[in-house]
Each structure stands twice: as C-alpha cells, then as structure tokens.
Amino acid sequence: MPITIVVIGDTHATSFDKIPEEMLQAILEADRVIHVGDYGSSGILDNLVRLKGSRFRGVYGNTDSQAIRDEVPAKDILEIEGKRIGITHPAAGGPSEGTERRVMALFKDDNVDVVVYGHTHDPRVAHLGGVWLVSPGKGYLEQSYFGSPTTFAVLTIGEDIRAEIRKISR
C-alpha cells in the first residue's frame, strides 16, 4: 500500500494555530510529514513531533532559531519503500535564484530519488535527471510576503513516486 507524505515548509509561524486548517487536516491524515525548514517558532516543531512522533522528519532553515537547530539537522535522508528522499532547506539561505542547483548538489553523491526543499516560497514539482525535485511552497496564509499562494506538497511513495502541489483555499 502506498505511503502518503505531506511536505510543508516556510511556515514562518509564531504559533501552531497559525497553520492553515487544510494543511493541518492533510498532516493528520498523512502517513508521514516532512518540514523543510523555516518553522518560525519552536512550537511548530514541537507540535509536529507531538502529532506524528517518529513519522515526522524535518530540517532547519536559514531563519530558524538555535533551539530548532539543536533538534533537527540541516540535511537529512529518509528511506521509504526503498525510495530515498533527500530533505534540506537549504540552511545556508542565499538568493532564491539557483536554489534548485544548490540543493541538487547537496545530494549528488547520496543516490536519492526525491529532493524536497524550501527557501524559495514557490511551489514546484519537477523531474530532473531521474530525480524528483519538490518544493512545497510557503506554508502561511499572509499573502503580502513573497506573494505566492499558500501551498503544500503531497508525495505518494509506492512502486512509483507521485508528487503534487495542493493550494490552500481561503
């Protein structure tokens, strides 16, 4: 049976009640959840761990506090159903331009099937050189910051890998 993974990131939230209801519902229904960094507060991380336990994986982003950095790594690899998922923000930050190239380079020797990443706030699903590249977009509702819609990604891992972006309706 396929495994469903909700991928969120760039929530930049001060408290867990700022997580959009549709996103929270998807997290609760998913088999696993991945956060690709820039949580906004330790409470976001703590609540995701409380909700999903060992079925949560996350990395820290360039704006995350030392408390968050002490709890999660900058880069991680998760293996599910024989598929390897590279997870990063990237923690070094930098301009959004070139982020895809930088995150692919982080995993070039790790034989990954998927790379999930954050930082750009732009949702993206692409298949490049045999690797799925997935950015969940921004995970907060305020539209004034980086202008993109609020989105998250859903990975379905089975014999094949499927990836889609879901937009949060208001």
Protein backbone atom coordinates (compact mmCIF):
# COMPACT_ATOMS: atom_id res chain seq x y z
CA MET A 1 0.00 0.00 0.00
CA PRO A 2 1.44 3.42 -0.94
CA ILE A 3 2.76 5.75 1.76
CA THR A 4 1.46 9.34 1.76
CA ILE A 5 3.82 12.09 2.90
CA VAL A 6 2.77 15.69 3.38
CA VAL A 7 5.68 18.07 2.80
CA ILE A 8 5.42 21.56 4.28
CA GLY A 9 7.89 24.36 4.76
CA ASP A 10 8.48 28.03 5.25
CA THR A 11 5.62 28.22 7.73
CA HIS A 12 7.21 31.23 9.45
CA ALA A 13 4.52 30.89 12.13
CA THR A 14 4.69 32.21 15.67
CA SER A 15 2.26 29.56 16.95
CA PHE A 16 0.75 26.29 15.77
CA ASP A 17 -2.74 27.80 15.49
CA LYS A 18 -1.38 29.81 12.53
CA ILE A 19 -1.00 26.61 10.47
CA PRO A 20 -3.81 26.65 7.85
CA GLU A 21 -6.64 24.26 8.72
CA GLU A 22 -6.49 22.45 5.34
CA MET A 23 -2.78 21.85 5.83
CA LEU A 24 -3.28 20.59 9.36
CA GLN A 25 -6.01 18.21 8.19
CA ALA A 26 -3.72 16.83 5.48
CA ILE A 27 -0.95 16.36 8.08
CA LEU A 28 -3.30 14.44 10.36
CA GLU A 29 -4.45 12.18 7.51
CA ALA A 30 -0.96 11.51 6.06
CA ASP A 31 1.22 8.56 6.95
CA ARG A 32 4.19 10.90 7.44
CA VAL A 33 5.07 14.60 7.42
CA ILE A 34 8.25 16.42 6.42
CA HIS A 35 9.01 20.07 7.24
CA VAL A 36 11.73 21.63 5.08
CA GLY A 37 12.67 24.43 7.47
CA ASP A 38 11.90 28.00 8.49
CA TYR A 39 9.35 26.91 11.08
CA GLY A 40 9.01 30.33 12.67
CA SER A 41 8.97 29.05 16.25
CA SER A 42 9.91 26.00 18.28
CA GLY A 43 6.20 25.46 18.94
CA ILE A 44 5.66 24.48 15.29
CA LEU A 45 8.36 21.81 15.52
CA ASP A 46 7.16 20.60 18.94
CA ASN A 47 3.57 20.22 17.77
CA LEU A 48 4.53 18.34 14.60
CA VAL A 49 6.59 15.93 16.70
CA ARG A 50 3.68 15.58 19.13
CA LEU A 51 1.23 14.85 16.28
CA LYS A 52 3.37 12.47 14.22
CA GLY A 53 6.13 11.21 16.55
CA SER A 54 8.64 9.10 14.63
CA ARG A 55 6.61 9.68 11.46
CA PHE A 56 7.87 13.29 11.40
CA ARG A 57 11.13 14.39 9.77
CA GLY A 58 12.41 17.90 9.49
CA VAL A 59 15.41 20.07 8.82
CA TYR A 60 16.19 23.61 9.86
CA GLY A 61 16.16 26.62 7.59
CA ASN A 62 18.21 29.78 7.41
CA THR A 63 15.84 31.74 9.69
CA ASP A 64 15.38 29.07 12.37
CA SER A 65 16.49 29.64 15.95
CA GLN A 66 19.30 27.80 17.70
CA ALA A 67 16.67 25.84 19.66
CA ILE A 68 15.31 24.40 16.40
CA ARG A 69 18.82 23.82 15.04
CA ASP A 70 19.58 21.79 18.16
CA GLU A 71 16.61 19.48 17.41
CA VAL A 72 16.82 18.83 13.65
CA PRO A 73 19.67 18.65 11.12
CA ALA A 74 20.40 20.89 8.14
CA LYS A 75 20.19 17.91 5.76
CA ASP A 76 18.58 14.50 6.11
CA ILE A 77 17.75 11.43 4.06
CA LEU A 78 14.64 9.37 4.67
CA GLU A 79 14.18 5.94 3.10
CA ILE A 80 10.64 4.67 2.49
CA GLU A 81 9.66 1.63 0.45
CA GLY A 82 13.18 1.52 -0.96
CA LYS A 83 12.99 5.12 -2.17
CA ARG A 84 15.45 7.70 -0.82
CA ILE A 85 14.19 11.21 -0.05
CA GLY A 86 16.73 13.99 0.48
CA ILE A 87 15.50 16.78 2.76
CA THR A 88 17.00 20.28 3.01
CA HIS A 89 16.02 23.95 3.20
CA PRO A 90 18.96 24.88 2.34
CA ALA A 91 20.16 26.09 5.72
CA ALA A 92 22.70 28.50 4.21
CA GLY A 93 19.90 30.55 2.67
CA GLY A 94 21.07 32.85 -0.08
CA PRO A 95 19.23 34.18 -3.12
CA SER A 96 16.26 32.16 -4.39
CA GLU A 97 17.83 32.08 -7.83
CA GLY A 98 19.97 28.97 -8.11
CA THR A 99 18.35 27.17 -5.16
CA GLU A 100 17.48 24.09 -7.24
CA ARG A 101 21.07 23.73 -8.42
CA ARG A 102 22.37 24.12 -4.85
CA VAL A 103 20.00 21.57 -3.33
CA MET A 104 20.66 19.02 -6.07
CA ALA A 105 24.41 19.46 -5.44
CA LEU A 106 23.89 18.73 -1.71
CA PHE A 107 22.63 15.24 -2.59
CA LYS A 108 24.72 14.46 -5.70
CA ASP A 109 26.51 11.52 -4.03
CA ASP A 110 23.56 10.22 -1.98
CA ASN A 111 21.64 8.27 -4.65
CA VAL A 112 18.32 9.93 -3.83
CA ASP A 113 15.08 9.50 -5.77
CA VAL A 114 13.49 12.71 -4.47
CA VAL A 115 14.84 16.01 -3.11
CA VAL A 116 12.41 18.11 -1.08
CA TYR A 117 13.47 21.65 -0.25
CA GLY A 118 12.22 25.05 0.87
CA HIS A 119 13.52 28.62 0.95
CA THR A 120 12.08 29.94 -2.35
CA HIS A 121 8.44 30.01 -1.13
CA ASP A 122 7.49 28.91 -4.66
CA PRO A 123 5.76 25.55 -5.13
CA ARG A 124 7.48 23.30 -7.64
CA VAL A 125 7.42 19.71 -8.86
CA ALA A 126 9.97 18.71 -11.50
CA HIS A 127 11.71 15.55 -12.64
CA LEU A 128 15.35 16.35 -13.44
CA GLY A 129 17.97 13.77 -14.33
CA GLY A 130 15.94 10.93 -12.83
CA VAL A 131 15.35 12.76 -9.53
CA TRP A 132 12.08 14.32 -8.38
CA LEU A 133 12.60 17.87 -7.15
CA VAL A 134 9.79 19.12 -4.90
CA SER A 135 9.30 22.46 -3.14
CA PRO A 136 6.09 22.66 -1.08
CA GLY A 137 5.97 26.46 -1.39
CA LYS A 138 5.05 28.69 1.53
CA GLY A 139 3.08 27.39 4.47
CA TYR A 140 1.44 30.55 5.80
CA LEU A 141 -1.64 32.49 4.75
CA GLU A 142 -0.38 36.08 4.73
CA GLN A 143 -0.27 36.94 1.02
CA SER A 144 1.94 40.03 1.30
CA TYR A 145 5.17 38.11 1.93
CA PHE A 146 6.66 36.76 -1.33
CA GLY A 147 3.21 36.81 -2.97
CA SER A 148 2.92 33.10 -3.83
CA PRO A 149 -0.21 31.20 -2.82
CA THR A 150 -0.18 29.08 0.33
CA THR A 151 0.64 25.51 -0.66
CA PHE A 152 1.99 22.17 0.46
CA ALA A 153 3.18 19.08 -1.39
CA VAL A 154 1.99 15.50 -1.22
CA LEU A 155 4.35 12.67 -2.08
CA THR A 156 2.93 9.22 -2.66
CA ILE A 157 5.57 6.52 -2.40
CA GLY A 158 4.85 3.02 -3.66
CA GLU A 159 6.19 1.19 -6.68
CA ASP A 160 6.30 4.62 -8.29
CA ILE A 161 6.72 8.11 -6.88
CA ARG A 162 3.99 10.69 -7.39
CA ALA A 163 4.24 14.32 -6.33
CA GLU A 164 1.65 17.06 -6.40
CA ILE A 165 1.16 20.56 -5.07
CA ARG A 166 -2.02 21.41 -3.20
CA LYS A 167 -3.15 25.02 -2.89
CA ILE A 168 -4.84 26.21 0.28
CA SER A 169 -8.18 27.85 -0.38
CA ARG A 170 -9.23 30.72 1.86
